[in-house]
Amino acid sequence: MATEAERLARLEGAYNHLATKADLANLETRLTKWFAGLLLLVVINVLGTVTGILIALLG
């Protein structure tokens, strides 16, 4: 059986790959920017489609 110090060292060693609060905040910012950009592209695409349909119908 491992000693308490060995078990604690193994647990602390596993923390290196976990995200910090700063990492999560950075990720949230990046995702918000991506979603805003994608929303803008969807709006542009819809407006372009509607414009094309109107030109086809009225032209």
PDB file of N, CA and C in Angstrom:
ATOM      1  N   MET A   1       0.844  -1.179   0.000  1.00  0.00           N
ATOM      2  CA  MET A   1       0.000   0.000   0.000  1.00  0.00           C
ATOM      3  C   MET A   1       0.889   1.242   0.000  1.00  0.00           C
ATOM      4  N   ALA A   2       0.501   2.249  -0.787  1.00  0.00           N
ATOM      5  CA  ALA A   2       1.285   3.474  -0.899  1.00  0.00           C
ATOM      6  C   ALA A   2       1.105   4.308   0.365  1.00  0.00           C
ATOM      7  N   THR A   3       2.162   5.016   0.678  1.00  0.00           N
ATOM      8  CA  THR A   3       2.085   5.885   1.847  1.00  0.00           C
ATOM      9  C   THR A   3       1.247   7.120   1.506  1.00  0.00           C
ATOM     10  N   GLU A   4       0.889   7.847   2.536  1.00  0.00           N
ATOM     11  CA  GLU A   4       0.079   9.045   2.335  1.00  0.00           C
ATOM     12  C   GLU A   4       0.821  10.080   1.503  1.00  0.00           C
ATOM     13  N   ALA A   5       2.107  10.216   1.692  1.00  0.00           N
ATOM     14  CA  ALA A   5       2.914  11.178   0.932  1.00  0.00           C
ATOM     15  C   ALA A   5       2.971  10.788  -0.545  1.00  0.00           C
ATOM     16  N   GLU A   6       3.103   9.498  -0.816  1.00  0.00           N
ATOM     17  CA  GLU A   6       3.134   9.040  -2.207  1.00  0.00           C
ATOM     18  C   GLU A   6       1.790   9.277  -2.892  1.00  0.00           C
ATOM     19  N   ARG A   7       0.713   9.007  -2.179  1.00  0.00           N
ATOM     20  CA  ARG A   7      -0.616   9.220  -2.745  1.00  0.00           C
ATOM     21  C   ARG A   7      -0.853  10.702  -3.020  1.00  0.00           C
ATOM     22  N   LEU A   8      -0.427  11.549  -2.084  1.00  0.00           N
ATOM     23  CA  LEU A   8      -0.584  12.994  -2.259  1.00  0.00           C
ATOM     24  C   LEU A   8       0.248  13.481  -3.440  1.00  0.00           C
ATOM     25  N   ALA A   9       1.464  12.989  -3.584  1.00  0.00           N
ATOM     26  CA  ALA A   9       2.323  13.389  -4.695  1.00  0.00           C
ATOM     27  C   ALA A   9       1.707  12.968  -6.028  1.00  0.00           C
ATOM     28  N   ARG A  10       1.106  11.794  -6.079  1.00  0.00           N
ATOM     29  CA  ARG A  10       0.474  11.318  -7.306  1.00  0.00           C
ATOM     30  C   ARG A  10      -0.736  12.201  -7.653  1.00  0.00           C
ATOM     31  N   LEU A  11      -1.513  12.575  -6.653  1.00  0.00           N
ATOM     32  CA  LEU A  11      -2.667  13.443  -6.891  1.00  0.00           C
ATOM     33  C   LEU A  11      -2.242  14.832  -7.365  1.00  0.00           C
ATOM     34  N   GLU A  12      -1.236  15.396  -6.722  1.00  0.00           N
ATOM     35  CA  GLU A  12      -0.759  16.723  -7.117  1.00  0.00           C
ATOM     36  C   GLU A  12      -0.150  16.705  -8.508  1.00  0.00           C
ATOM     37  N   GLY A  13       0.463  15.605  -8.881  1.00  0.00           N
ATOM     38  CA  GLY A  13       1.031  15.484 -10.226  1.00  0.00           C
ATOM     39  C   GLY A  13      -0.034  15.466 -11.304  1.00  0.00           C
ATOM     40  N   ALA A  14      -1.240  15.048 -10.967  1.00  0.00           N
ATOM     41  CA  ALA A  14      -2.319  14.982 -11.944  1.00  0.00           C
ATOM     42  C   ALA A  14      -2.942  16.343 -12.209  1.00  0.00           C
ATOM     43  N   TYR A  15      -2.676  17.332 -11.386  1.00  0.00           N
ATOM     44  CA  TYR A  15      -3.285  18.651 -11.551  1.00  0.00           C
ATOM     45  C   TYR A  15      -2.698  19.449 -12.715  1.00  0.00           C
ATOM     46  N   ASN A  16      -1.551  19.061 -13.215  1.00  0.00           N
ATOM     47  CA  ASN A  16      -0.875  19.866 -14.240  1.00  0.00           C
ATOM     48  C   ASN A  16      -1.671  19.970 -15.531  1.00  0.00           C
ATOM     49  N   HIS A  17      -2.457  18.965 -15.869  1.00  0.00           N
ATOM     50  CA  HIS A  17      -3.182  18.982 -17.134  1.00  0.00           C
ATOM     51  C   HIS A  17      -4.593  19.554 -17.005  1.00  0.00           C
ATOM     52  N   LEU A  18      -5.000  19.963 -15.823  1.00  0.00           N
ATOM     53  CA  LEU A  18      -6.328  20.516 -15.637  1.00  0.00           C
ATOM     54  C   LEU A  18      -6.348  22.009 -15.971  1.00  0.00           C
ATOM     55  N   ALA A  19      -7.486  22.494 -16.430  1.00  0.00           N
ATOM     56  CA  ALA A  19      -7.620  23.902 -16.808  1.00  0.00           C
ATOM     57  C   ALA A  19      -7.748  24.778 -15.565  1.00  0.00           C
ATOM     58  N   THR A  20      -7.161  25.952 -15.653  1.00  0.00           N
ATOM     59  CA  THR A  20      -7.278  26.932 -14.578  1.00  0.00           C
ATOM     60  C   THR A  20      -8.460  27.858 -14.866  1.00  0.00           C
ATOM     61  N   LYS A  21      -8.788  28.709 -13.915  1.00  0.00           N
ATOM     62  CA  LYS A  21      -9.861  29.680 -14.132  1.00  0.00           C
ATOM     63  C   LYS A  21      -9.514  30.611 -15.292  1.00  0.00           C
ATOM     64  N   ALA A  22      -8.253  30.979 -15.398  1.00  0.00           N
ATOM     65  CA  ALA A  22      -7.822  31.857 -16.488  1.00  0.00           C
ATOM     66  C   ALA A  22      -7.975  31.144 -17.832  1.00  0.00           C
ATOM     67  N   ASP A  23      -7.636  29.858 -17.886  1.00  0.00           N
ATOM     68  CA  ASP A  23      -7.811  29.087 -19.115  1.00  0.00           C
ATOM     69  C   ASP A  23      -9.276  29.052 -19.533  1.00  0.00           C
ATOM     70  N   LEU A  24     -10.160  28.828 -18.576  1.00  0.00           N
ATOM     71  CA  LEU A  24     -11.587  28.760 -18.875  1.00  0.00           C
ATOM     72  C   LEU A  24     -12.140  30.113 -19.311  1.00  0.00           C
ATOM     73  N   ALA A  25     -11.668  31.186 -18.688  1.00  0.00           N
ATOM     74  CA  ALA A  25     -12.110  32.530 -19.075  1.00  0.00           C
ATOM     75  C   ALA A  25     -11.649  32.843 -20.502  1.00  0.00           C
ATOM     76  N   ASN A  26     -10.421  32.458 -20.825  1.00  0.00           N
ATOM     77  CA  ASN A  26      -9.885  32.667 -22.171  1.00  0.00           C
ATOM     78  C   ASN A  26     -10.692  31.868 -23.188  1.00  0.00           C
ATOM     79  N   LEU A  27     -11.021  30.645 -22.860  1.00  0.00           N
ATOM     80  CA  LEU A  27     -11.818  29.809 -23.746  1.00  0.00           C
ATOM     81  C   LEU A  27     -13.204  30.406 -23.964  1.00  0.00           C
ATOM     82  N   GLU A  28     -13.807  30.907 -22.899  1.00  0.00           N
ATOM     83  CA  GLU A  28     -15.130  31.517 -23.012  1.00  0.00           C
ATOM     84  C   GLU A  28     -15.088  32.725 -23.948  1.00  0.00           C
ATOM     85  N   THR A  29     -14.057  33.541 -23.828  1.00  0.00           N
ATOM     86  CA  THR A  29     -13.907  34.711 -24.693  1.00  0.00           C
ATOM     87  C   THR A  29     -13.762  34.288 -26.149  1.00  0.00           C
ATOM     88  N   ARG A  30     -12.913  33.286 -26.384  1.00  0.00           N
ATOM     89  CA  ARG A  30     -12.697  32.822 -27.756  1.00  0.00           C
ATOM     90  C   ARG A  30     -13.969  32.227 -28.347  1.00  0.00           C
ATOM     91  N   LEU A  31     -14.705  31.454 -27.558  1.00  0.00           N
ATOM     92  CA  LEU A  31     -15.944  30.859 -28.058  1.00  0.00           C
ATOM     93  C   LEU A  31     -16.991  31.931 -28.352  1.00  0.00           C
ATOM     94  N   THR A  32     -17.059  32.948 -27.511  1.00  0.00           N
ATOM     95  CA  THR A  32     -18.007  34.039 -27.744  1.00  0.00           C
ATOM     96  C   THR A  32     -17.691  34.742 -29.057  1.00  0.00           C
ATOM     97  N   LYS A  33     -16.423  34.970 -29.325  1.00  0.00           N
ATOM     98  CA  LYS A  33     -16.027  35.610 -30.583  1.00  0.00           C
ATOM     99  C   LYS A  33     -16.385  34.731 -31.777  1.00  0.00           C
ATOM    100  N   TRP A  34     -16.152  33.435 -31.656  1.00  0.00           N
ATOM    101  CA  TRP A  34     -16.489  32.498 -32.735  1.00  0.00           C
ATOM    102  C   TRP A  34     -17.988  32.501 -32.997  1.00  0.00           C
ATOM    103  N   PHE A  35     -18.785  32.438 -31.939  1.00  0.00           N
ATOM    104  CA  PHE A  35     -20.235  32.411 -32.103  1.00  0.00           C
ATOM    105  C   PHE A  35     -20.737  33.710 -32.719  1.00  0.00           C
ATOM    106  N   ALA A  36     -20.177  34.833 -32.304  1.00  0.00           N
ATOM    107  CA  ALA A  36     -20.582  36.119 -32.871  1.00  0.00           C
ATOM    108  C   ALA A  36     -20.219  36.174 -34.356  1.00  0.00           C
ATOM    109  N   GLY A  37     -19.044  35.690 -34.701  1.00  0.00           N
ATOM    110  CA  GLY A  37     -18.634  35.659 -36.105  1.00  0.00           C
ATOM    111  C   GLY A  37     -19.515  34.752 -36.934  1.00  0.00           C
ATOM    112  N   LEU A  38     -19.842  33.585 -36.395  1.00  0.00           N
ATOM    113  CA  LEU A  38     -20.712  32.663 -37.120  1.00  0.00           C
ATOM    114  C   LEU A  38     -22.110  33.241 -37.290  1.00  0.00           C
ATOM    115  N   LEU A  39     -22.616  33.902 -36.259  1.00  0.00           N
ATOM    116  CA  LEU A  39     -23.926  34.534 -36.356  1.00  0.00           C
ATOM    117  C   LEU A  39     -23.924  35.604 -37.444  1.00  0.00           C
ATOM    118  N   LEU A  40     -22.874  36.393 -37.507  1.00  0.00           N
ATOM    119  CA  LEU A  40     -22.753  37.410 -38.549  1.00  0.00           C
ATOM    120  C   LEU A  40     -22.759  36.775 -39.933  1.00  0.00           C
ATOM    121  N   LEU A  41     -22.045  35.674 -40.101  1.00  0.00           N
ATOM    122  CA  LEU A  41     -22.015  34.997 -41.394  1.00  0.00           C
ATOM    123  C   LEU A  41     -23.380  34.429 -41.769  1.00  0.00           C
ATOM    124  N   VAL A  42     -24.100  33.909 -40.797  1.00  0.00           N
ATOM    125  CA  VAL A  42     -25.443  33.384 -41.069  1.00  0.00           C
ATOM    126  C   VAL A  42     -26.366  34.517 -41.504  1.00  0.00           C
ATOM    127  N   VAL A  43     -26.295  35.654 -40.817  1.00  0.00           N
ATOM    128  CA  VAL A  43     -27.136  36.798 -41.177  1.00  0.00           C
ATOM    129  C   VAL A  43     -26.807  37.273 -42.585  1.00  0.00           C
ATOM    130  N   ILE A  44     -25.536  37.369 -42.916  1.00  0.00           N
ATOM    131  CA  ILE A  44     -25.125  37.789 -44.257  1.00  0.00           C
ATOM    132  C   ILE A  44     -25.626  36.794 -45.303  1.00  0.00           C
ATOM    133  N   ASN A  45     -25.524  35.517 -44.999  1.00  0.00           N
ATOM    134  CA  ASN A  45     -25.987  34.481 -45.923  1.00  0.00           C
ATOM    135  C   ASN A  45     -27.493  34.573 -46.148  1.00  0.00           C
ATOM    136  N   VAL A  46     -28.259  34.761 -45.085  1.00  0.00           N
ATOM    137  CA  VAL A  46     -29.718  34.874 -45.211  1.00  0.00           C
ATOM    138  C   VAL A  46     -30.082  36.119 -46.017  1.00  0.00           C
ATOM    139  N   LEU A  47     -29.429  37.231 -45.714  1.00  0.00           N
ATOM    140  CA  LEU A  47     -29.715  38.459 -46.466  1.00  0.00           C
ATOM    141  C   LEU A  47     -29.367  38.300 -47.942  1.00  0.00           C
ATOM    142  N   GLY A  48     -28.275  37.646 -48.234  1.00  0.00           N
ATOM    143  CA  GLY A  48     -27.900  37.399 -49.627  1.00  0.00           C
ATOM    144  C   GLY A  48     -28.901  36.506 -50.327  1.00  0.00           C
ATOM    145  N   THR A  49     -29.374  35.488 -49.642  1.00  0.00           N
ATOM    146  CA  THR A  49     -30.362  34.585 -50.225  1.00  0.00           C
ATOM    147  C   THR A  49     -31.675  35.309 -50.485  1.00  0.00           C
ATOM    148  N   VAL A  50     -32.137  36.079 -49.513  1.00  0.00           N
ATOM    149  CA  VAL A  50     -33.388  36.831 -49.678  1.00  0.00           C
ATOM    150  C   VAL A  50     -33.249  37.842 -50.807  1.00  0.00           C
ATOM    151  N   THR A  51     -32.123  38.513 -50.879  1.00  0.00           N
ATOM    152  CA  THR A  51     -31.889  39.483 -51.956  1.00  0.00           C
ATOM    153  C   THR A  51     -31.907  38.785 -53.313  1.00  0.00           C
ATOM    154  N   GLY A  52     -31.257  37.644 -53.385  1.00  0.00           N
ATOM    155  CA  GLY A  52     -31.250  36.901 -54.660  1.00  0.00           C
ATOM    156  C   GLY A  52     -32.642  36.458 -55.067  1.00  0.00           C
ATOM    157  N   ILE A  53     -33.428  36.015 -54.110  1.00  0.00           N
ATOM    158  CA  ILE A  53     -34.807  35.610 -54.429  1.00  0.00           C
ATOM    159  C   ILE A  53     -35.624  36.806 -54.882  1.00  0.00           C
ATOM    160  N   LEU A  54     -35.484  37.934 -54.196  1.00  0.00           N
ATOM    161  CA  LEU A  54     -36.237  39.131 -54.584  1.00  0.00           C
ATOM    162  C   LEU A  54     -35.830  39.616 -55.972  1.00  0.00           C
ATOM    163  N   ILE A  55     -34.563  39.576 -56.274  1.00  0.00           N
ATOM    164  CA  ILE A  55     -34.101  39.989 -57.608  1.00  0.00           C
ATOM    165  C   ILE A  55     -34.664  39.049 -58.658  1.00  0.00           C
ATOM    166  N   ALA A  56     -34.688  37.758 -58.358  1.00  0.00           N
ATOM    167  CA  ALA A  56     -35.218  36.788 -59.331  1.00  0.00           C
ATOM    168  C   ALA A  56     -36.715  36.992 -59.548  1.00  0.00           C
ATOM    169  N   LEU A  57     -37.437  37.306 -58.478  1.00  0.00           N
ATOM    170  CA  LEU A  57     -38.887  37.466 -58.603  1.00  0.00           C
ATOM    171  C   LEU A  57     -39.283  38.801 -59.234  1.00  0.00           C
ATOM    172  N   LEU A  58     -38.566  39.849 -58.892  1.00  0.00           N
ATOM    173  CA  LEU A  58     -38.920  41.189 -59.364  1.00  0.00           C
ATOM    174  C   LEU A  58     -38.204  41.599 -60.634  1.00  0.00           C
ATOM    175  N   GLY A  59     -37.128  40.920 -60.954  1.00  0.00           N
ATOM    176  CA  GLY A  59     -36.310  41.327 -62.096  1.00  0.00           C
ATOM    177  C   GLY A  59     -36.709  40.753 -63.352  1.00  0.00           C
TER     178      GLY A  59
END
